[in-house]
Amino acid sequence: LFAVAEGKLGKLGIVRAFANANEVNDMPEMFGLWNTVPPCESPVGVTVDVILVYSQSFEDNPAAQQAAQNVITSFESGTAWSSCFGSVRAFDAKLTAQEDVYDARGYAARNDWANGPNTVFLFVMRSFRATRQTVPVRDNWLHQFVAEAYDATVAIRGSRYRGDTWDPYLSSLPADVSL
């Protein structure tokens, strides 16, 4: 998940990107978690949308399109978390299978090892002006999310993510990649 902002005190969005079959299959569990770790219990003072982004084409993967549609239908049916959000929308980044690369062996195995996630991130940045990755960990997290999104004292939030595959070859990465 990561956040996007649109306009000054206008709208916010929470982006959920998904790519492979496991991520498609995890969509019900991920959004089901919001029923037990609710995003809010009262209005947050600004419209927040949920934006689902599939890395490839919905046309080529009906299961991915159905997973996104199930989240939209759940929202429209009034799931426990639907009152926290203005809308749920789905988009596909239309990467080809050759472009949608994520090789867990990392940079040492292939230079384009994270091309898929990176390209999807750029798609979201161009489309929605993304700002950071987030994972909800407590009830009513949406209030904190909105407060942090509009905190004028901070330009960039978050930490450098290295993941479990970075450690073995971190020292072999060029400086501009490892910063």
N, C-alpha and C. Protein backbone atom coordinates (compact mmCIF):
# COMPACT_ATOMS: atom_id res chain seq x y z
N LEU A 1 0.84 -1.17 0.00
CA LEU A 1 0.00 0.00 0.00
C LEU A 1 0.88 1.24 0.00
N PHE A 2 0.44 2.25 -0.71
CA PHE A 2 1.08 3.55 -0.53
C PHE A 2 0.07 4.64 -0.79
N ALA A 3 0.39 5.82 -0.33
CA ALA A 3 -0.56 6.93 -0.33
C ALA A 3 -0.32 7.84 -1.52
N VAL A 4 -1.38 8.44 -2.00
CA VAL A 4 -1.29 9.46 -3.04
C VAL A 4 -2.09 10.67 -2.61
N ALA A 5 -1.66 11.84 -3.02
CA ALA A 5 -2.37 13.07 -2.69
C ALA A 5 -2.75 13.78 -3.98
N GLU A 6 -3.93 14.37 -3.99
CA GLU A 6 -4.41 15.07 -5.17
C GLU A 6 -4.91 16.44 -4.73
N GLY A 7 -4.15 17.47 -5.02
CA GLY A 7 -4.57 18.82 -4.66
C GLY A 7 -4.37 19.12 -3.18
N LYS A 8 -4.38 20.40 -2.84
CA LYS A 8 -4.18 20.82 -1.46
C LYS A 8 -5.47 20.60 -0.67
N LEU A 9 -5.41 19.76 0.35
CA LEU A 9 -6.56 19.40 1.17
C LEU A 9 -7.75 18.97 0.32
N GLY A 10 -7.47 18.32 -0.81
CA GLY A 10 -8.53 17.86 -1.69
C GLY A 10 -8.88 16.42 -1.43
N LYS A 11 -8.14 15.52 -2.04
CA LYS A 11 -8.42 14.10 -1.92
C LYS A 11 -7.13 13.36 -1.64
N LEU A 12 -7.28 12.25 -0.95
CA LEU A 12 -6.17 11.33 -0.73
C LEU A 12 -6.58 9.99 -1.30
N GLY A 13 -5.60 9.18 -1.60
CA GLY A 13 -5.88 7.83 -2.05
C GLY A 13 -4.92 6.85 -1.43
N ILE A 14 -5.41 5.65 -1.20
CA ILE A 14 -4.57 4.55 -0.74
C ILE A 14 -4.47 3.59 -1.92
N VAL A 15 -3.25 3.38 -2.40
CA VAL A 15 -3.03 2.53 -3.57
C VAL A 15 -2.64 1.14 -3.11
N ARG A 16 -3.31 0.14 -3.65
CA ARG A 16 -2.96 -1.26 -3.41
C ARG A 16 -2.58 -1.83 -4.76
N ALA A 17 -1.27 -1.99 -4.98
CA ALA A 17 -0.78 -2.60 -6.22
C ALA A 17 -0.73 -4.10 -6.03
N PHE A 18 -1.02 -4.84 -7.09
CA PHE A 18 -0.92 -6.29 -7.05
C PHE A 18 -0.50 -6.81 -8.41
N ALA A 19 0.25 -7.94 -8.41
CA ALA A 19 0.86 -8.39 -9.65
C ALA A 19 0.69 -9.88 -9.90
N ASN A 20 1.25 -10.70 -9.05
CA ASN A 20 1.29 -12.14 -9.33
C ASN A 20 0.04 -12.85 -8.79
N ALA A 21 -0.05 -14.14 -9.07
CA ALA A 21 -1.22 -14.91 -8.67
C ALA A 21 -1.42 -14.91 -7.16
N ASN A 22 -0.34 -14.96 -6.39
CA ASN A 22 -0.47 -14.93 -4.93
C ASN A 22 -1.09 -13.62 -4.46
N GLU A 23 -0.65 -12.51 -5.03
CA GLU A 23 -1.19 -11.21 -4.64
C GLU A 23 -2.65 -11.07 -5.06
N VAL A 24 -2.99 -11.62 -6.21
CA VAL A 24 -4.40 -11.63 -6.64
C VAL A 24 -5.22 -12.43 -5.64
N ASN A 25 -4.73 -13.61 -5.28
CA ASN A 25 -5.46 -14.49 -4.35
C ASN A 25 -5.53 -13.92 -2.94
N ASP A 26 -4.57 -13.05 -2.56
CA ASP A 26 -4.54 -12.46 -1.22
C ASP A 26 -5.47 -11.26 -1.06
N MET A 27 -6.05 -10.78 -2.14
CA MET A 27 -6.90 -9.58 -2.06
C MET A 27 -8.05 -9.74 -1.05
N PRO A 28 -8.80 -10.85 -1.06
CA PRO A 28 -9.89 -10.95 -0.07
C PRO A 28 -9.39 -10.90 1.37
N GLU A 29 -8.29 -11.57 1.65
CA GLU A 29 -7.74 -11.56 3.02
C GLU A 29 -7.26 -10.17 3.41
N MET A 30 -6.57 -9.50 2.48
CA MET A 30 -6.02 -8.17 2.77
C MET A 30 -7.14 -7.19 3.11
N PHE A 31 -8.18 -7.15 2.29
CA PHE A 31 -9.28 -6.22 2.56
C PHE A 31 -10.19 -6.74 3.67
N GLY A 32 -10.24 -8.04 3.87
CA GLY A 32 -10.96 -8.60 5.01
C GLY A 32 -10.34 -8.16 6.32
N LEU A 33 -9.02 -7.97 6.32
CA LEU A 33 -8.33 -7.49 7.52
C LEU A 33 -8.86 -6.13 7.96
N TRP A 34 -9.29 -5.31 6.99
CA TRP A 34 -9.82 -4.00 7.33
C TRP A 34 -11.13 -4.11 8.11
N ASN A 35 -11.77 -5.28 8.10
CA ASN A 35 -12.97 -5.48 8.92
C ASN A 35 -12.60 -5.71 10.38
N THR A 36 -11.39 -6.23 10.62
CA THR A 36 -10.94 -6.47 12.00
C THR A 36 -9.97 -5.40 12.49
N VAL A 37 -9.29 -4.72 11.59
CA VAL A 37 -8.43 -3.57 11.91
C VAL A 37 -9.02 -2.40 11.12
N PRO A 38 -10.10 -1.83 11.65
CA PRO A 38 -10.84 -0.83 10.85
C PRO A 38 -10.03 0.43 10.57
N PRO A 39 -10.17 0.96 9.36
CA PRO A 39 -9.47 2.19 9.01
C PRO A 39 -9.93 3.40 9.81
N CYS A 40 -11.22 3.44 10.17
CA CYS A 40 -11.74 4.59 10.90
C CYS A 40 -13.01 4.18 11.63
N GLU A 41 -13.39 5.00 12.61
CA GLU A 41 -14.70 4.80 13.23
C GLU A 41 -15.56 6.05 13.10
N SER A 42 -14.98 7.12 12.57
CA SER A 42 -15.70 8.37 12.32
C SER A 42 -15.07 9.04 11.10
N PRO A 43 -15.75 10.01 10.50
CA PRO A 43 -15.20 10.69 9.32
C PRO A 43 -13.81 11.28 9.61
N VAL A 44 -12.97 11.25 8.57
CA VAL A 44 -11.59 11.71 8.74
C VAL A 44 -11.37 13.14 8.24
N GLY A 45 -12.39 13.77 7.71
CA GLY A 45 -12.29 15.18 7.34
C GLY A 45 -11.84 15.45 5.93
N VAL A 46 -11.54 14.43 5.17
CA VAL A 46 -11.12 14.59 3.78
C VAL A 46 -11.52 13.31 3.04
N THR A 47 -11.78 13.42 1.75
CA THR A 47 -12.14 12.25 0.97
C THR A 47 -10.90 11.40 0.72
N VAL A 48 -10.98 10.12 1.04
CA VAL A 48 -9.89 9.17 0.79
C VAL A 48 -10.46 8.07 -0.09
N ASP A 49 -9.81 7.83 -1.23
CA ASP A 49 -10.22 6.77 -2.14
C ASP A 49 -9.27 5.59 -2.03
N VAL A 50 -9.77 4.42 -2.38
CA VAL A 50 -8.93 3.22 -2.51
C VAL A 50 -8.71 3.02 -4.00
N ILE A 51 -7.45 2.89 -4.39
CA ILE A 51 -7.08 2.73 -5.79
C ILE A 51 -6.34 1.41 -5.95
N LEU A 52 -6.93 0.49 -6.69
CA LEU A 52 -6.33 -0.81 -6.94
C LEU A 52 -5.60 -0.74 -8.28
N VAL A 53 -4.34 -1.17 -8.31
CA VAL A 53 -3.54 -1.13 -9.54
C VAL A 53 -2.96 -2.50 -9.79
N TYR A 54 -3.40 -3.12 -10.88
CA TYR A 54 -2.86 -4.40 -11.32
C TYR A 54 -1.72 -4.14 -12.30
N SER A 55 -0.63 -4.86 -12.17
CA SER A 55 0.57 -4.57 -12.95
C SER A 55 0.42 -4.84 -14.44
N GLN A 56 -0.31 -5.87 -14.81
CA GLN A 56 -0.45 -6.19 -16.23
C GLN A 56 -1.82 -5.72 -16.72
N SER A 57 -2.41 -6.44 -17.65
CA SER A 57 -3.70 -6.04 -18.22
C SER A 57 -4.82 -6.90 -17.67
N PHE A 58 -5.88 -6.28 -17.21
CA PHE A 58 -7.05 -7.03 -16.76
C PHE A 58 -7.58 -7.92 -17.89
N GLU A 59 -7.46 -7.44 -19.10
CA GLU A 59 -7.94 -8.20 -20.26
C GLU A 59 -7.25 -9.56 -20.37
N ASP A 60 -6.00 -9.61 -19.95
CA ASP A 60 -5.23 -10.85 -20.04
C ASP A 60 -5.34 -11.72 -18.79
N ASN A 61 -5.93 -11.19 -17.71
CA ASN A 61 -6.04 -11.96 -16.48
C ASN A 61 -7.40 -11.71 -15.82
N PRO A 62 -8.40 -12.49 -16.22
CA PRO A 62 -9.74 -12.31 -15.63
C PRO A 62 -9.76 -12.48 -14.11
N ALA A 63 -8.88 -13.31 -13.56
CA ALA A 63 -8.85 -13.51 -12.10
C ALA A 63 -8.45 -12.22 -11.40
N ALA A 64 -7.51 -11.48 -11.96
CA ALA A 64 -7.09 -10.20 -11.37
C ALA A 64 -8.22 -9.19 -11.46
N GLN A 65 -8.89 -9.15 -12.60
CA GLN A 65 -10.02 -8.24 -12.76
C GLN A 65 -11.13 -8.59 -11.78
N GLN A 66 -11.40 -9.89 -11.60
CA GLN A 66 -12.44 -10.31 -10.67
C GLN A 66 -12.07 -9.98 -9.23
N ALA A 67 -10.80 -10.14 -8.87
CA ALA A 67 -10.36 -9.80 -7.51
C ALA A 67 -10.59 -8.32 -7.23
N ALA A 68 -10.25 -7.48 -8.20
CA ALA A 68 -10.48 -6.04 -8.04
C ALA A 68 -11.97 -5.74 -7.97
N GLN A 69 -12.74 -6.38 -8.83
CA GLN A 69 -14.18 -6.15 -8.83
C GLN A 69 -14.81 -6.60 -7.52
N ASN A 70 -14.31 -7.68 -6.93
CA ASN A 70 -14.84 -8.14 -5.65
C ASN A 70 -14.61 -7.11 -4.54
N VAL A 71 -13.47 -6.44 -4.56
CA VAL A 71 -13.21 -5.39 -3.57
C VAL A 71 -14.18 -4.23 -3.80
N ILE A 72 -14.37 -3.85 -5.06
CA ILE A 72 -15.30 -2.76 -5.39
C ILE A 72 -16.72 -3.13 -4.95
N THR A 73 -17.13 -4.36 -5.26
CA THR A 73 -18.47 -4.82 -4.88
C THR A 73 -18.64 -4.84 -3.37
N SER A 74 -17.62 -5.29 -2.65
CA SER A 74 -17.66 -5.30 -1.19
C SER A 74 -17.85 -3.88 -0.66
N PHE A 75 -17.09 -2.94 -1.22
CA PHE A 75 -17.22 -1.53 -0.83
C PHE A 75 -18.64 -1.02 -1.11
N GLU A 76 -19.13 -1.28 -2.32
CA GLU A 76 -20.45 -0.79 -2.71
C GLU A 76 -21.57 -1.45 -1.90
N SER A 77 -21.32 -2.65 -1.37
CA SER A 77 -22.31 -3.37 -0.57
C SER A 77 -22.32 -2.93 0.89
N GLY A 78 -21.40 -2.05 1.25
CA GLY A 78 -21.40 -1.50 2.60
C GLY A 78 -20.60 -2.31 3.61
N THR A 79 -19.48 -2.87 3.19
CA THR A 79 -18.61 -3.58 4.13
C THR A 79 -18.25 -2.65 5.29
N ALA A 80 -17.76 -3.21 6.38
CA ALA A 80 -17.48 -2.44 7.60
C ALA A 80 -16.59 -1.23 7.34
N TRP A 81 -15.67 -1.31 6.40
CA TRP A 81 -14.73 -0.21 6.16
C TRP A 81 -15.19 0.76 5.08
N SER A 82 -16.29 0.49 4.40
CA SER A 82 -16.69 1.33 3.26
C SER A 82 -17.03 2.77 3.65
N SER A 83 -17.49 3.00 4.88
CA SER A 83 -17.83 4.37 5.28
C SER A 83 -16.59 5.25 5.43
N CYS A 84 -15.41 4.64 5.46
CA CYS A 84 -14.17 5.40 5.61
C CYS A 84 -13.67 6.00 4.30
N PHE A 85 -14.21 5.54 3.17
CA PHE A 85 -13.65 5.90 1.88
C PHE A 85 -14.71 6.48 0.95
N GLY A 86 -14.24 7.33 0.04
CA GLY A 86 -15.14 7.94 -0.94
C GLY A 86 -15.47 7.02 -2.09
N SER A 87 -14.48 6.24 -2.52
CA SER A 87 -14.70 5.32 -3.64
C SER A 87 -13.60 4.27 -3.66
N VAL A 88 -13.83 3.24 -4.44
CA VAL A 88 -12.81 2.23 -4.75
C VAL A 88 -12.77 2.14 -6.27
N ARG A 89 -11.59 2.31 -6.83
CA ARG A 89 -11.42 2.26 -8.29
C ARG A 89 -10.29 1.30 -8.63
N ALA A 90 -10.36 0.72 -9.81
CA ALA A 90 -9.34 -0.23 -10.25
C ALA A 90 -8.75 0.21 -11.59
N PHE A 91 -7.44 0.04 -11.70
CA PHE A 91 -6.72 0.38 -12.92
C PHE A 91 -5.73 -0.74 -13.22
N ASP A 92 -5.39 -0.88 -14.48
CA ASP A 92 -4.33 -1.82 -14.84
C ASP A 92 -3.21 -1.04 -15.52
N ALA A 93 -1.97 -1.33 -15.11
CA ALA A 93 -0.81 -0.61 -15.63
C ALA A 93 -0.40 -1.11 -17.01
N LYS A 94 -0.94 -2.25 -17.43
CA LYS A 94 -0.74 -2.79 -18.78
C LYS A 94 0.71 -3.12 -19.11
N LEU A 95 1.48 -3.56 -18.12
CA LEU A 95 2.83 -4.03 -18.41
C LEU A 95 2.73 -5.36 -19.15
N THR A 96 3.69 -5.60 -20.03
CA THR A 96 3.77 -6.92 -20.66
C THR A 96 4.43 -7.87 -19.67
N ALA A 97 4.34 -9.17 -19.95
CA ALA A 97 5.00 -10.15 -19.08
C ALA A 97 6.51 -9.91 -19.05
N GLN A 98 7.08 -9.45 -20.15
CA GLN A 98 8.52 -9.17 -20.21
C GLN A 98 8.88 -7.96 -19.36
N GLU A 99 7.99 -7.00 -19.23
CA GLU A 99 8.24 -5.82 -18.42
C GLU A 99 7.96 -6.08 -16.94
N ASP A 100 7.04 -6.97 -16.65
CA ASP A 100 6.60 -7.21 -15.28
C ASP A 100 7.50 -8.23 -14.59
N VAL A 101 8.73 -7.81 -14.37
CA VAL A 101 9.76 -8.68 -13.82
C VAL A 101 9.97 -8.37 -12.35
N TYR A 102 9.96 -9.40 -11.53
CA TYR A 102 10.47 -9.30 -10.16
C TYR A 102 11.20 -10.61 -9.88
N ASP A 103 12.50 -10.53 -9.84
CA ASP A 103 13.33 -11.71 -9.61
C ASP A 103 13.89 -11.62 -8.20
N ALA A 104 13.41 -12.49 -7.32
CA ALA A 104 13.80 -12.45 -5.91
C ALA A 104 15.30 -12.68 -5.70
N ARG A 105 15.98 -13.18 -6.72
CA ARG A 105 17.44 -13.35 -6.59
C ARG A 105 18.15 -12.01 -6.65
N GLY A 106 17.46 -10.97 -7.10
CA GLY A 106 17.98 -9.61 -7.02
C GLY A 106 18.90 -9.18 -8.13
N TYR A 107 19.55 -8.07 -7.86
CA TYR A 107 20.40 -7.38 -8.82
C TYR A 107 21.56 -8.24 -9.31
N ALA A 108 22.07 -9.11 -8.46
CA ALA A 108 23.19 -9.97 -8.86
C ALA A 108 22.77 -10.94 -9.97
N ALA A 109 21.49 -11.31 -10.01
CA ALA A 109 21.00 -12.24 -11.02
C ALA A 109 20.62 -11.54 -12.32
N ARG A 110 20.06 -10.36 -12.21
CA ARG A 110 19.67 -9.61 -13.41
C ARG A 110 19.48 -8.14 -13.04
N ASN A 111 19.92 -7.26 -13.91
CA ASN A 111 19.87 -5.83 -13.63
C ASN A 111 18.44 -5.30 -13.52
N ASP A 112 17.51 -5.91 -14.22
CA ASP A 112 16.13 -5.44 -14.20
C ASP A 112 15.27 -6.24 -13.22
N TRP A 113 15.86 -6.75 -12.17
CA TRP A 113 15.21 -7.67 -11.26
C TRP A 113 13.92 -7.12 -10.65
N ALA A 114 13.78 -5.80 -10.52
CA ALA A 114 12.58 -5.20 -9.93
C ALA A 114 11.87 -4.28 -10.92
N ASN A 115 12.00 -4.56 -12.21
CA ASN A 115 11.40 -3.70 -13.22
C ASN A 115 9.88 -3.61 -13.08
N GLY A 116 9.22 -4.71 -12.78
CA GLY A 116 7.76 -4.69 -12.65
C GLY A 116 7.29 -3.75 -11.56
N PRO A 117 7.71 -3.97 -10.31
CA PRO A 117 7.28 -3.05 -9.24
C PRO A 117 7.69 -1.60 -9.49
N ASN A 118 8.89 -1.40 -10.01
CA ASN A 118 9.36 -0.04 -10.27
C ASN A 118 8.50 0.65 -11.33
N THR A 119 8.15 -0.08 -12.39
CA THR A 119 7.33 0.49 -13.46
C THR A 119 5.92 0.77 -12.98
N VAL A 120 5.37 -0.12 -12.16
CA VAL A 120 4.04 0.13 -11.59
C VAL A 120 4.09 1.37 -10.70
N PHE A 121 5.12 1.49 -9.89
CA PHE A 121 5.27 2.67 -9.03
C PHE A 121 5.29 3.94 -9.89
N LEU A 122 6.04 3.93 -10.99
CA LEU A 122 6.09 5.10 -11.88
C LEU A 122 4.72 5.37 -12.51
N PHE A 123 4.00 4.31 -12.88
CA PHE A 123 2.63 4.46 -13.40
C PHE A 123 1.76 5.19 -12.37
N VAL A 124 1.85 4.77 -11.12
CA VAL A 124 1.07 5.40 -10.06
C VAL A 124 1.53 6.84 -9.84
N MET A 125 2.84 7.06 -9.82
CA MET A 125 3.37 8.41 -9.64
C MET A 125 2.85 9.35 -10.72
N ARG A 126 2.88 8.88 -11.97
CA ARG A 126 2.39 9.72 -13.07
C ARG A 126 0.88 9.92 -12.99
N SER A 127 0.18 8.89 -12.58
CA SER A 127 -1.28 8.94 -12.58
C SER A 127 -1.86 9.60 -11.34
N PHE A 128 -1.22 9.39 -10.18
CA PHE A 128 -1.83 9.80 -8.93
C PHE A 128 -0.90 10.55 -7.99
N ARG A 129 0.33 10.81 -8.37
CA ARG A 129 1.31 11.48 -7.51
C ARG A 129 1.49 10.77 -6.17
N ALA A 130 2.05 9.59 -6.20
CA ALA A 130 2.23 8.78 -4.99
C ALA A 130 3.28 9.36 -4.07
N THR A 131 3.13 9.09 -2.76
CA THR A 131 4.07 9.64 -1.81
C THR A 131 4.79 8.62 -0.95
N ARG A 132 4.15 7.50 -0.50
CA ARG A 132 4.88 6.57 0.36
C ARG A 132 4.14 5.26 0.52
N GLN A 133 4.84 4.25 1.01
CA GLN A 133 4.24 2.96 1.29
C GLN A 133 3.72 2.93 2.72
N THR A 134 2.57 2.28 2.92
CA THR A 134 2.01 2.19 4.25
C THR A 134 1.38 0.82 4.47
N VAL A 135 1.34 0.39 5.69
CA VAL A 135 0.68 -0.85 6.09
C VAL A 135 -0.08 -0.55 7.38
N PRO A 136 -1.40 -0.75 7.41
CA PRO A 136 -2.15 -0.46 8.64
C PRO A 136 -1.83 -1.46 9.74
N VAL A 137 -1.64 -0.97 10.96
CA VAL A 137 -1.31 -1.86 12.08
C VAL A 137 -2.18 -1.62 13.31
N ARG A 138 -3.09 -0.66 13.26
CA ARG A 138 -3.94 -0.43 14.42
C ARG A 138 -5.30 0.11 13.96
N ASP A 139 -6.29 -0.03 14.81
CA ASP A 139 -7.62 0.49 14.54
C ASP A 139 -7.57 1.99 14.29
N ASN A 140 -8.48 2.44 13.46
CA ASN A 140 -8.65 3.87 13.19
C ASN A 140 -7.39 4.53 12.63
N TRP A 141 -6.65 3.78 11.85
CA TRP A 141 -5.41 4.28 11.27
C TRP A 141 -5.63 5.37 10.24
N LEU A 142 -6.81 5.49 9.68
CA LEU A 142 -7.05 6.47 8.63
C LEU A 142 -6.93 7.91 9.16
N HIS A 143 -7.32 8.16 10.39
CA HIS A 143 -7.18 9.50 10.97
C HIS A 143 -5.70 9.92 11.01
N GLN A 144 -4.84 9.01 11.44
CA GLN A 144 -3.40 9.30 11.48
C GLN A 144 -2.84 9.49 10.08
N PHE A 145 -3.31 8.68 9.15
CA PHE A 145 -2.88 8.76 7.75
C PHE A 145 -3.18 10.16 7.19
N VAL A 146 -4.39 10.65 7.41
CA VAL A 146 -4.77 11.96 6.92
C VAL A 146 -3.94 13.06 7.60
N ALA A 147 -3.76 12.96 8.90
CA ALA A 147 -2.96 13.97 9.62
C ALA A 147 -1.53 14.01 9.08
N GLU A 148 -0.94 12.85 8.86
CA GLU A 148 0.43 12.82 8.34
C GLU A 148 0.51 13.31 6.90
N ALA A 149 -0.50 13.01 6.12
CA ALA A 149 -0.49 13.44 4.71
C ALA A 149 -0.47 14.95 4.58
N TYR A 150 -1.08 15.65 5.54
CA TYR A 150 -1.16 17.10 5.48
C TYR A 150 -0.22 17.79 6.45
N ASP A 151 0.74 17.07 7.01
CA ASP A 151 1.74 17.66 7.91
C ASP A 151 2.74 18.45 7.07
N ALA A 152 2.64 19.76 7.12
CA ALA A 152 3.49 20.63 6.29
C ALA A 152 4.95 20.64 6.72
N THR A 153 5.26 20.05 7.87
CA THR A 153 6.65 20.07 8.33
C THR A 153 7.47 18.94 7.74
N VAL A 154 6.85 18.02 7.01
CA VAL A 154 7.56 16.86 6.48
C VAL A 154 7.37 16.77 4.97
N ALA A 155 8.46 16.62 4.24
CA ALA A 155 8.38 16.51 2.79
C ALA A 155 8.28 15.06 2.32
N ILE A 156 9.02 14.17 2.98
CA ILE A 156 9.04 12.76 2.59
C ILE A 156 8.99 11.92 3.86
N ARG A 157 8.18 10.87 3.84
CA ARG A 157 8.06 9.97 4.99
C ARG A 157 8.46 8.57 4.57
N GLY A 158 8.76 7.77 5.55
CA GLY A 158 9.06 6.37 5.27
C GLY A 158 10.54 6.09 5.45
N SER A 159 10.88 4.85 5.30
CA SER A 159 12.27 4.45 5.44
C SER A 159 12.71 3.70 4.20
N ARG A 160 14.01 3.53 4.07
CA ARG A 160 14.53 2.77 2.94
C ARG A 160 14.19 1.30 3.15
N TYR A 161 13.50 0.72 2.18
CA TYR A 161 13.17 -0.70 2.26
C TYR A 161 14.26 -1.49 1.56
N ARG A 162 14.79 -2.47 2.24
CA ARG A 162 15.82 -3.30 1.65
C ARG A 162 15.30 -4.69 1.35
N GLY A 163 14.32 -5.14 2.06
CA GLY A 163 13.78 -6.47 1.81
C GLY A 163 14.77 -7.56 2.16
N ASP A 164 14.29 -8.77 2.15
CA ASP A 164 15.15 -9.89 2.55
C ASP A 164 16.14 -10.30 1.48
N THR A 165 15.97 -9.81 0.26
CA THR A 165 16.89 -10.22 -0.80
C THR A 165 18.04 -9.23 -1.01
N TRP A 166 18.04 -8.11 -0.33
CA TRP A 166 19.09 -7.11 -0.53
C TRP A 166 20.40 -7.48 0.16
N ASP A 167 20.33 -8.03 1.34
CA ASP A 167 21.52 -8.21 2.16
C ASP A 167 22.68 -8.93 1.48
N PRO A 168 22.45 -10.04 0.79
CA PRO A 168 23.59 -10.77 0.24
C PRO A 168 24.40 -10.00 -0.81
N TYR A 169 23.77 -9.07 -1.51
CA TYR A 169 24.50 -8.40 -2.58
C TYR A 169 24.49 -6.88 -2.46
N LEU A 170 24.09 -6.35 -1.31
CA LEU A 170 24.04 -4.91 -1.12
C LEU A 170 25.37 -4.22 -1.44
N SER A 171 26.45 -4.85 -1.03
CA SER A 171 27.76 -4.24 -1.27
C SER A 171 28.13 -4.19 -2.74
N SER A 172 27.49 -4.98 -3.59
CA SER A 172 27.81 -4.99 -5.01
C SER A 172 26.98 -3.98 -5.82
N LEU A 173 26.00 -3.34 -5.17
CA LEU A 173 25.16 -2.37 -5.88
C LEU A 173 25.90 -1.06 -6.08
N PRO A 174 25.66 -0.39 -7.21
CA PRO A 174 26.24 0.93 -7.40
C PRO A 174 25.67 1.89 -6.36
N ALA A 175 26.42 2.93 -6.03
CA ALA A 175 26.03 3.85 -4.97
C ALA A 175 24.66 4.49 -5.23
N ASP A 176 24.35 4.83 -6.50
CA ASP A 176 23.09 5.50 -6.79
C ASP A 176 21.90 4.58 -6.59
N VAL A 177 22.09 3.27 -6.59
CA VAL A 177 21.01 2.32 -6.36
C VAL A 177 20.82 2.05 -4.88
N SER A 178 21.90 2.07 -4.11
CA SER A 178 21.82 1.67 -2.71
C SER A 178 21.57 2.82 -1.74
N LEU A 179 21.45 4.04 -2.22
CA LEU A 179 21.22 5.19 -1.32
C LEU A 179 19.86 5.18 -0.74
